[in-house]
N, C-alpha and C. Protein backbone atom coordinates (compact mmCIF):
# COMPACT_ATOMS: atom_id res chain seq x y z
N MET A 1 75.05 133.63 40.85
CA MET A 1 74.70 132.22 40.84
C MET A 1 74.39 131.76 42.27
N ILE A 2 73.41 130.90 42.39
CA ILE A 2 73.08 130.24 43.65
C ILE A 2 73.66 128.82 43.58
N PHE A 3 74.30 128.40 44.65
CA PHE A 3 74.84 127.05 44.73
C PHE A 3 73.97 126.24 45.68
N LEU A 4 73.41 125.15 45.17
CA LEU A 4 72.64 124.20 45.97
C LEU A 4 73.54 123.02 46.27
N THR A 5 73.68 122.69 47.56
CA THR A 5 74.49 121.54 47.93
C THR A 5 73.75 120.70 48.96
N VAL A 6 73.79 119.40 48.79
CA VAL A 6 73.08 118.50 49.70
C VAL A 6 74.00 117.50 50.38
N GLY A 7 75.29 117.70 50.27
CA GLY A 7 76.22 116.75 50.87
C GLY A 7 76.44 115.54 49.97
N THR A 8 77.21 114.59 50.48
CA THR A 8 77.61 113.47 49.63
C THR A 8 77.19 112.11 50.17
N LEU A 9 76.72 112.04 51.42
CA LEU A 9 76.43 110.73 52.01
C LEU A 9 75.06 110.17 51.65
N PHE A 10 74.05 111.02 51.68
CA PHE A 10 72.68 110.57 51.46
C PHE A 10 72.02 111.44 50.39
N PRO A 11 71.09 110.87 49.63
CA PRO A 11 70.32 111.72 48.70
C PRO A 11 69.40 112.65 49.49
N PHE A 12 69.05 113.77 48.90
CA PHE A 12 68.10 114.70 49.51
C PHE A 12 67.20 115.22 48.40
N ASP A 13 66.50 114.27 47.78
CA ASP A 13 65.66 114.58 46.63
C ASP A 13 64.58 115.60 46.96
N ARG A 14 64.07 115.61 48.18
CA ARG A 14 63.00 116.54 48.55
C ARG A 14 63.47 117.99 48.36
N LEU A 15 64.69 118.30 48.76
CA LEU A 15 65.23 119.65 48.58
C LEU A 15 65.55 119.93 47.11
N VAL A 16 66.18 118.99 46.45
CA VAL A 16 66.55 119.19 45.04
C VAL A 16 65.30 119.41 44.19
N LYS A 17 64.27 118.59 44.41
CA LYS A 17 63.02 118.76 43.67
C LYS A 17 62.38 120.11 43.96
N ALA A 18 62.37 120.52 45.23
CA ALA A 18 61.74 121.80 45.60
C ALA A 18 62.45 122.98 44.94
N VAL A 19 63.77 122.94 44.86
CA VAL A 19 64.51 124.01 44.19
C VAL A 19 64.26 123.96 42.69
N ASP A 20 64.23 122.77 42.11
CA ASP A 20 63.95 122.63 40.68
C ASP A 20 62.57 123.21 40.35
N ILE A 21 61.59 122.95 41.19
CA ILE A 21 60.24 123.49 40.98
C ILE A 21 60.24 125.01 41.15
N ALA A 22 60.99 125.52 42.12
CA ALA A 22 61.08 126.97 42.32
C ALA A 22 61.67 127.66 41.10
N ILE A 23 62.64 127.03 40.46
CA ILE A 23 63.22 127.58 39.24
C ILE A 23 62.17 127.55 38.13
N LYS A 24 61.51 126.42 37.97
CA LYS A 24 60.46 126.28 36.95
C LYS A 24 59.38 127.34 37.12
N ASN A 25 59.00 127.61 38.37
CA ASN A 25 57.96 128.60 38.67
C ASN A 25 58.48 130.03 38.74
N GLN A 26 59.74 130.20 38.37
CA GLN A 26 60.42 131.50 38.29
C GLN A 26 60.52 132.23 39.64
N LEU A 27 60.53 131.46 40.73
CA LEU A 27 60.79 132.04 42.04
C LEU A 27 62.27 132.33 42.21
N ILE A 28 63.08 131.61 41.45
CA ILE A 28 64.52 131.85 41.41
C ILE A 28 64.84 132.33 40.00
N GLN A 29 65.35 133.54 39.90
CA GLN A 29 65.67 134.13 38.60
C GLN A 29 67.14 133.93 38.22
N ARG A 30 67.97 133.66 39.20
CA ARG A 30 69.40 133.51 38.93
C ARG A 30 69.73 132.08 38.53
N ARG A 31 70.88 131.92 37.92
CA ARG A 31 71.39 130.60 37.57
C ARG A 31 71.63 129.81 38.86
N VAL A 32 71.30 128.53 38.84
CA VAL A 32 71.55 127.65 39.98
C VAL A 32 72.43 126.50 39.51
N PHE A 33 73.46 126.23 40.29
CA PHE A 33 74.30 125.06 40.07
C PHE A 33 74.18 124.20 41.31
N ALA A 34 73.99 122.89 41.13
CA ALA A 34 73.73 122.01 42.27
C ALA A 34 74.71 120.85 42.35
N GLN A 35 75.05 120.50 43.57
CA GLN A 35 75.77 119.28 43.89
C GLN A 35 74.73 118.42 44.61
N ILE A 36 74.24 117.36 43.93
CA ILE A 36 73.05 116.65 44.40
C ILE A 36 73.34 115.31 45.08
N GLY A 37 74.59 114.93 45.21
CA GLY A 37 74.91 113.68 45.89
C GLY A 37 74.39 112.46 45.14
N PRO A 38 74.20 111.35 45.85
CA PRO A 38 73.78 110.09 45.20
C PRO A 38 72.27 110.07 44.97
N SER A 39 71.80 110.95 44.11
CA SER A 39 70.37 111.12 43.89
C SER A 39 69.88 110.36 42.66
N ASP A 40 68.68 109.83 42.75
CA ASP A 40 68.03 109.26 41.57
C ASP A 40 67.28 110.32 40.78
N PHE A 41 66.93 111.42 41.45
CA PHE A 41 66.22 112.52 40.79
C PHE A 41 67.20 113.35 39.97
N LYS A 42 66.85 113.63 38.73
CA LYS A 42 67.70 114.43 37.86
C LYS A 42 66.99 115.76 37.56
N PRO A 43 67.52 116.87 38.08
CA PRO A 43 66.89 118.17 37.87
C PRO A 43 66.77 118.52 36.39
N LYS A 44 65.71 119.22 36.08
CA LYS A 44 65.46 119.64 34.69
C LYS A 44 65.74 121.13 34.47
N HIS A 45 65.85 121.89 35.55
CA HIS A 45 65.92 123.34 35.40
C HIS A 45 67.19 123.96 35.97
N MET A 46 68.19 123.13 36.26
CA MET A 46 69.47 123.64 36.75
C MET A 46 70.59 122.68 36.36
N GLU A 47 71.77 123.24 36.25
CA GLU A 47 72.95 122.41 36.04
C GLU A 47 73.28 121.70 37.35
N TYR A 48 73.85 120.50 37.25
CA TYR A 48 74.17 119.77 38.46
C TYR A 48 75.30 118.78 38.24
N THR A 49 75.85 118.37 39.37
CA THR A 49 76.81 117.27 39.41
C THR A 49 76.47 116.47 40.65
N ASN A 50 76.82 115.18 40.64
CA ASN A 50 76.56 114.38 41.83
C ASN A 50 77.59 114.67 42.92
N HIS A 51 78.85 114.75 42.55
CA HIS A 51 79.92 114.94 43.53
C HIS A 51 80.91 115.97 43.04
N MET A 52 81.58 116.60 43.99
CA MET A 52 82.65 117.56 43.69
C MET A 52 83.80 117.27 44.64
N ASP A 53 85.03 117.45 44.17
CA ASP A 53 86.14 117.34 45.10
C ASP A 53 86.15 118.57 45.99
N ARG A 54 86.85 118.49 47.09
CA ARG A 54 86.81 119.56 48.10
C ARG A 54 87.23 120.92 47.53
N ASP A 55 88.27 120.95 46.70
CA ASP A 55 88.74 122.22 46.14
C ASP A 55 87.67 122.85 45.25
N ALA A 56 87.04 122.06 44.39
CA ALA A 56 85.98 122.59 43.51
C ALA A 56 84.78 123.05 44.33
N PHE A 57 84.45 122.29 45.38
CA PHE A 57 83.34 122.65 46.25
C PHE A 57 83.60 124.00 46.91
N GLU A 58 84.78 124.14 47.50
CA GLU A 58 85.12 125.39 48.19
C GLU A 58 85.19 126.56 47.21
N GLU A 59 85.74 126.35 46.03
CA GLU A 59 85.81 127.41 45.03
C GLU A 59 84.41 127.83 44.59
N THR A 60 83.50 126.87 44.44
CA THR A 60 82.13 127.19 44.04
C THR A 60 81.46 128.03 45.13
N ILE A 61 81.62 127.66 46.38
CA ILE A 61 81.04 128.46 47.47
C ILE A 61 81.66 129.85 47.50
N HIS A 62 82.96 129.91 47.30
CA HIS A 62 83.66 131.20 47.32
C HIS A 62 83.11 132.15 46.25
N THR A 63 82.78 131.63 45.08
CA THR A 63 82.37 132.49 43.96
C THR A 63 80.86 132.68 43.83
N THR A 64 80.06 131.92 44.58
CA THR A 64 78.62 132.03 44.44
C THR A 64 78.09 133.26 45.18
N THR A 65 76.88 133.70 44.82
CA THR A 65 76.28 134.84 45.50
C THR A 65 75.41 134.42 46.67
N ALA A 66 74.91 133.18 46.66
CA ALA A 66 74.07 132.68 47.75
C ALA A 66 74.14 131.16 47.76
N LEU A 67 73.73 130.59 48.87
CA LEU A 67 73.85 129.15 49.07
C LEU A 67 72.53 128.60 49.60
N ILE A 68 72.09 127.49 49.02
CA ILE A 68 70.97 126.72 49.54
C ILE A 68 71.54 125.35 49.87
N SER A 69 71.23 124.84 51.07
CA SER A 69 71.91 123.62 51.52
C SER A 69 71.04 122.81 52.46
N HIS A 70 71.43 121.55 52.63
CA HIS A 70 70.92 120.78 53.75
C HIS A 70 71.50 121.43 55.01
N ALA A 71 71.06 121.03 56.18
CA ALA A 71 71.54 121.66 57.41
C ALA A 71 72.73 120.91 57.99
N GLY A 72 73.63 120.49 57.12
CA GLY A 72 74.86 119.84 57.57
C GLY A 72 75.84 120.87 58.07
N ILE A 73 76.51 120.54 59.16
CA ILE A 73 77.40 121.49 59.80
C ILE A 73 78.55 121.92 58.89
N GLY A 74 79.05 121.01 58.04
CA GLY A 74 80.14 121.36 57.13
C GLY A 74 79.72 122.40 56.11
N SER A 75 78.55 122.23 55.53
CA SER A 75 78.05 123.20 54.54
C SER A 75 77.75 124.54 55.20
N ILE A 76 77.17 124.50 56.39
CA ILE A 76 76.88 125.75 57.11
C ILE A 76 78.18 126.47 57.43
N ALA A 77 79.16 125.74 57.94
CA ALA A 77 80.44 126.35 58.30
C ALA A 77 81.12 126.98 57.08
N MET A 78 81.05 126.30 55.95
CA MET A 78 81.68 126.82 54.74
C MET A 78 80.96 128.09 54.27
N GLY A 79 79.63 128.08 54.32
CA GLY A 79 78.87 129.28 53.94
C GLY A 79 79.19 130.46 54.84
N LEU A 80 79.30 130.20 56.13
CA LEU A 80 79.63 131.27 57.08
C LEU A 80 81.06 131.75 56.89
N LYS A 81 81.96 130.83 56.59
CA LYS A 81 83.37 131.20 56.36
C LYS A 81 83.48 132.23 55.25
N TYR A 82 82.68 132.05 54.19
CA TYR A 82 82.74 132.97 53.05
C TYR A 82 81.65 134.03 53.09
N ASN A 83 80.95 134.12 54.24
CA ASN A 83 79.95 135.17 54.45
C ASN A 83 78.89 135.20 53.34
N LYS A 84 78.35 134.02 53.02
CA LYS A 84 77.34 133.91 51.97
C LYS A 84 75.94 133.86 52.58
N PRO A 85 74.97 134.51 51.97
CA PRO A 85 73.59 134.33 52.42
C PRO A 85 73.25 132.84 52.28
N LEU A 86 72.70 132.26 53.34
CA LEU A 86 72.55 130.82 53.40
C LEU A 86 71.14 130.43 53.83
N LEU A 87 70.50 129.63 53.00
CA LEU A 87 69.19 129.06 53.28
C LEU A 87 69.37 127.55 53.43
N VAL A 88 68.97 127.02 54.58
CA VAL A 88 69.11 125.59 54.81
C VAL A 88 67.73 124.95 55.00
N MET A 89 67.67 123.67 54.61
CA MET A 89 66.49 122.86 54.89
C MET A 89 67.01 121.56 55.51
N PRO A 90 66.60 121.28 56.75
CA PRO A 90 67.13 120.07 57.41
C PRO A 90 66.56 118.78 56.83
N ARG A 91 67.43 117.81 56.74
CA ARG A 91 66.98 116.45 56.40
C ARG A 91 66.17 115.92 57.58
N LYS A 92 65.22 115.03 57.28
CA LYS A 92 64.38 114.49 58.35
C LYS A 92 64.36 112.98 58.31
N ARG A 93 64.38 112.41 59.50
CA ARG A 93 64.36 110.95 59.64
C ARG A 93 63.09 110.34 59.07
N LYS A 94 61.94 111.00 59.27
CA LYS A 94 60.67 110.42 58.82
C LYS A 94 60.62 110.21 57.31
N TYR A 95 61.45 110.94 56.57
CA TYR A 95 61.53 110.75 55.12
C TYR A 95 62.71 109.86 54.73
N ARG A 96 63.38 109.30 55.74
CA ARG A 96 64.56 108.45 55.55
C ARG A 96 65.71 109.19 54.86
N GLU A 97 65.79 110.49 55.16
CA GLU A 97 66.85 111.32 54.60
C GLU A 97 68.11 111.30 55.48
N HIS A 98 67.93 110.84 56.71
CA HIS A 98 69.04 110.72 57.66
C HIS A 98 68.65 109.73 58.74
N VAL A 99 69.59 109.37 59.58
CA VAL A 99 69.32 108.37 60.62
C VAL A 99 68.60 108.95 61.83
N ASN A 100 68.65 110.28 62.00
CA ASN A 100 67.94 110.96 63.08
C ASN A 100 67.64 112.40 62.65
N ASP A 101 67.10 113.18 63.55
CA ASP A 101 66.71 114.56 63.21
C ASP A 101 67.69 115.61 63.75
N HIS A 102 68.96 115.26 63.83
CA HIS A 102 69.93 116.23 64.36
C HIS A 102 70.02 117.50 63.51
N GLN A 103 69.73 117.41 62.20
CA GLN A 103 69.82 118.60 61.36
C GLN A 103 68.73 119.63 61.71
N VAL A 104 67.61 119.17 62.25
CA VAL A 104 66.57 120.11 62.69
C VAL A 104 67.13 120.95 63.84
N GLY A 105 67.78 120.30 64.79
CA GLY A 105 68.39 121.02 65.91
C GLY A 105 69.49 121.97 65.45
N THR A 106 70.31 121.51 64.52
CA THR A 106 71.37 122.37 63.99
C THR A 106 70.77 123.60 63.32
N ALA A 107 69.75 123.39 62.50
CA ALA A 107 69.10 124.51 61.80
C ALA A 107 68.50 125.50 62.80
N LYS A 108 67.83 125.00 63.82
CA LYS A 108 67.21 125.88 64.82
C LYS A 108 68.26 126.71 65.54
N MET A 109 69.39 126.10 65.89
CA MET A 109 70.44 126.82 66.60
C MET A 109 71.03 127.94 65.74
N PHE A 110 71.38 127.62 64.49
CA PHE A 110 71.97 128.64 63.62
C PHE A 110 70.95 129.71 63.22
N GLU A 111 69.68 129.34 63.14
CA GLU A 111 68.62 130.32 62.87
C GLU A 111 68.48 131.27 64.06
N ARG A 112 68.46 130.72 65.27
CA ARG A 112 68.34 131.54 66.49
C ARG A 112 69.50 132.54 66.60
N LEU A 113 70.67 132.13 66.16
CA LEU A 113 71.85 133.01 66.20
C LEU A 113 71.85 134.02 65.05
N GLY A 114 70.90 133.88 64.12
CA GLY A 114 70.81 134.81 62.99
C GLY A 114 71.79 134.54 61.87
N HIS A 115 72.32 133.32 61.81
CA HIS A 115 73.33 132.99 60.80
C HIS A 115 72.75 132.43 59.51
N VAL A 116 71.54 131.85 59.56
CA VAL A 116 70.95 131.21 58.38
C VAL A 116 69.45 131.48 58.33
N LEU A 117 68.90 131.36 57.14
CA LEU A 117 67.46 131.24 56.94
C LEU A 117 67.15 129.75 56.95
N VAL A 118 65.98 129.37 57.44
CA VAL A 118 65.62 127.96 57.48
C VAL A 118 64.24 127.74 56.87
N ALA A 119 64.18 126.76 55.99
CA ALA A 119 62.90 126.24 55.50
C ALA A 119 62.76 124.86 56.13
N TYR A 120 61.78 124.70 56.99
CA TYR A 120 61.61 123.41 57.68
C TYR A 120 60.88 122.39 56.82
N SER A 121 60.33 122.84 55.71
CA SER A 121 59.69 121.92 54.77
C SER A 121 59.76 122.54 53.38
N GLU A 122 59.44 121.73 52.38
CA GLU A 122 59.47 122.24 51.01
C GLU A 122 58.41 123.31 50.78
N THR A 123 57.34 123.33 51.59
CA THR A 123 56.33 124.39 51.44
C THR A 123 56.83 125.72 52.00
N ASP A 124 57.79 125.70 52.93
CA ASP A 124 58.42 126.93 53.43
C ASP A 124 59.43 127.50 52.45
N LEU A 125 59.94 126.67 51.57
CA LEU A 125 61.06 127.06 50.72
C LEU A 125 60.79 128.29 49.85
N PRO A 126 59.66 128.38 49.13
CA PRO A 126 59.47 129.56 48.27
C PRO A 126 59.53 130.89 49.03
N LYS A 127 58.92 130.96 50.21
CA LYS A 127 58.93 132.19 51.01
C LYS A 127 60.36 132.53 51.42
N LYS A 128 61.13 131.54 51.82
CA LYS A 128 62.51 131.78 52.27
C LYS A 128 63.42 132.13 51.10
N ILE A 129 63.15 131.56 49.93
CA ILE A 129 63.94 131.91 48.73
C ILE A 129 63.81 133.39 48.43
N GLN A 130 62.62 133.94 48.65
CA GLN A 130 62.40 135.37 48.40
C GLN A 130 63.24 136.25 49.32
N LEU A 131 63.54 135.75 50.52
CA LEU A 131 64.34 136.51 51.49
C LEU A 131 65.84 136.37 51.26
N LEU A 132 66.25 135.33 50.56
CA LEU A 132 67.67 135.01 50.41
C LEU A 132 68.52 136.13 49.81
N PRO A 133 68.08 136.82 48.74
CA PRO A 133 68.96 137.84 48.14
C PRO A 133 69.32 139.00 49.07
N THR A 134 68.48 139.29 50.06
CA THR A 134 68.77 140.41 50.94
C THR A 134 69.17 139.99 52.36
N PHE A 135 69.26 138.68 52.59
CA PHE A 135 69.59 138.18 53.92
C PHE A 135 71.03 138.51 54.28
N LYS A 136 71.21 139.09 55.46
CA LYS A 136 72.55 139.36 55.99
C LYS A 136 72.69 138.59 57.30
N ALA A 137 73.59 137.66 57.33
CA ALA A 137 73.81 136.85 58.53
C ALA A 137 74.42 137.69 59.64
N SER A 138 74.02 137.39 60.87
CA SER A 138 74.65 138.01 62.03
C SER A 138 76.11 137.58 62.08
N PRO A 139 76.99 138.46 62.47
CA PRO A 139 78.41 138.07 62.53
C PRO A 139 78.64 136.99 63.57
N ARG A 140 79.52 136.08 63.23
CA ARG A 140 79.89 135.02 64.18
C ARG A 140 80.91 135.55 65.15
N GLU A 141 80.77 135.13 66.40
CA GLU A 141 81.74 135.51 67.42
C GLU A 141 82.57 134.28 67.78
N ASN A 142 83.86 134.50 67.93
CA ASN A 142 84.74 133.42 68.33
C ASN A 142 84.39 133.00 69.75
N GLN A 143 84.11 131.72 69.92
CA GLN A 143 83.73 131.19 71.23
C GLN A 143 84.79 130.24 71.80
N ALA A 144 86.04 130.44 71.41
CA ALA A 144 87.11 129.54 71.85
C ALA A 144 87.22 129.49 73.37
N HIS A 145 87.02 130.62 74.04
CA HIS A 145 87.12 130.65 75.50
C HIS A 145 86.03 129.80 76.16
N VAL A 146 84.85 129.75 75.56
CA VAL A 146 83.77 128.93 76.11
C VAL A 146 84.11 127.45 75.96
N ILE A 147 84.64 127.08 74.81
CA ILE A 147 85.02 125.68 74.58
C ILE A 147 86.16 125.29 75.52
N ALA A 148 87.15 126.17 75.69
CA ALA A 148 88.27 125.88 76.60
C ALA A 148 87.77 125.68 78.03
N ARG A 149 86.81 126.50 78.45
CA ARG A 149 86.26 126.37 79.81
C ARG A 149 85.53 125.03 79.96
N ARG A 150 84.76 124.63 78.96
CA ARG A 150 84.06 123.34 79.02
C ARG A 150 85.03 122.17 79.09
N ILE A 151 86.11 122.24 78.34
CA ILE A 151 87.12 121.18 78.36
C ILE A 151 87.77 121.11 79.74
N ALA A 152 88.07 122.28 80.30
CA ALA A 152 88.70 122.32 81.63
C ALA A 152 87.78 121.71 82.69
N VAL A 153 86.51 122.04 82.65
CA VAL A 153 85.56 121.47 83.61
C VAL A 153 85.48 119.96 83.43
N PHE A 154 85.41 119.50 82.19
CA PHE A 154 85.36 118.07 81.91
C PHE A 154 86.60 117.37 82.45
N LEU A 155 87.77 117.92 82.17
CA LEU A 155 89.01 117.30 82.64
C LEU A 155 89.08 117.27 84.16
N ASP A 156 88.59 118.32 84.80
CA ASP A 156 88.56 118.34 86.27
C ASP A 156 87.65 117.25 86.81
N GLN A 157 86.57 116.94 86.10
CA GLN A 157 85.64 115.92 86.56
C GLN A 157 86.19 114.51 86.40
N ILE A 158 86.96 114.26 85.36
CA ILE A 158 87.44 112.91 85.13
C ILE A 158 88.80 112.64 85.76
N THR A 159 89.51 113.70 86.13
CA THR A 159 90.85 113.53 86.72
C THR A 159 91.02 114.34 87.99
N PRO A 160 90.12 114.24 88.98
CA PRO A 160 90.23 115.11 90.16
C PRO A 160 91.44 114.81 91.04
N ASP A 161 91.96 113.62 90.99
CA ASP A 161 93.05 113.25 91.89
C ASP A 161 94.44 113.35 91.27
N ILE A 162 94.50 113.71 90.03
CA ILE A 162 95.80 113.81 89.36
C ILE A 162 96.40 115.18 89.68
N ILE A 163 97.63 115.17 90.17
CA ILE A 163 98.32 116.41 90.48
C ILE A 163 99.22 116.75 89.31
N VAL A 164 99.10 117.95 88.85
CA VAL A 164 99.88 118.38 87.70
C VAL A 164 101.08 119.16 88.16
């Protein structure tokens, strides 16, 4: 099963419609279950729910074979946590899907690291769907030491005169 998730704050009809069309056109042969958020669009070719509680959401990701998602950091992190092949499509401000284009930057960063496949538009989606079944994400490396160093530099800048 493929799990499509678009988050809960904003509708993302462009992605939901594109996946529904891909199923109709038989580009996706597996069952798809979707969490579509506050959407007015009702898919015709997949099962869906508007919202899921956190436990059901996590269990669905845990048991799915692949994930298609908006480029929200929470969905990406969950997909990586369970080592699922992940295809993301960022929400875009010009379509009023979000308040800015931060998801484009998030998608580019995780794509550069080899963690996700990215469709930057609905026309990219069919090609990327074909890659999803065999996609293997690059392993994530713990970067806690980098974050600790950045915090230390920041603290040194704001508190140079404090003696510990």
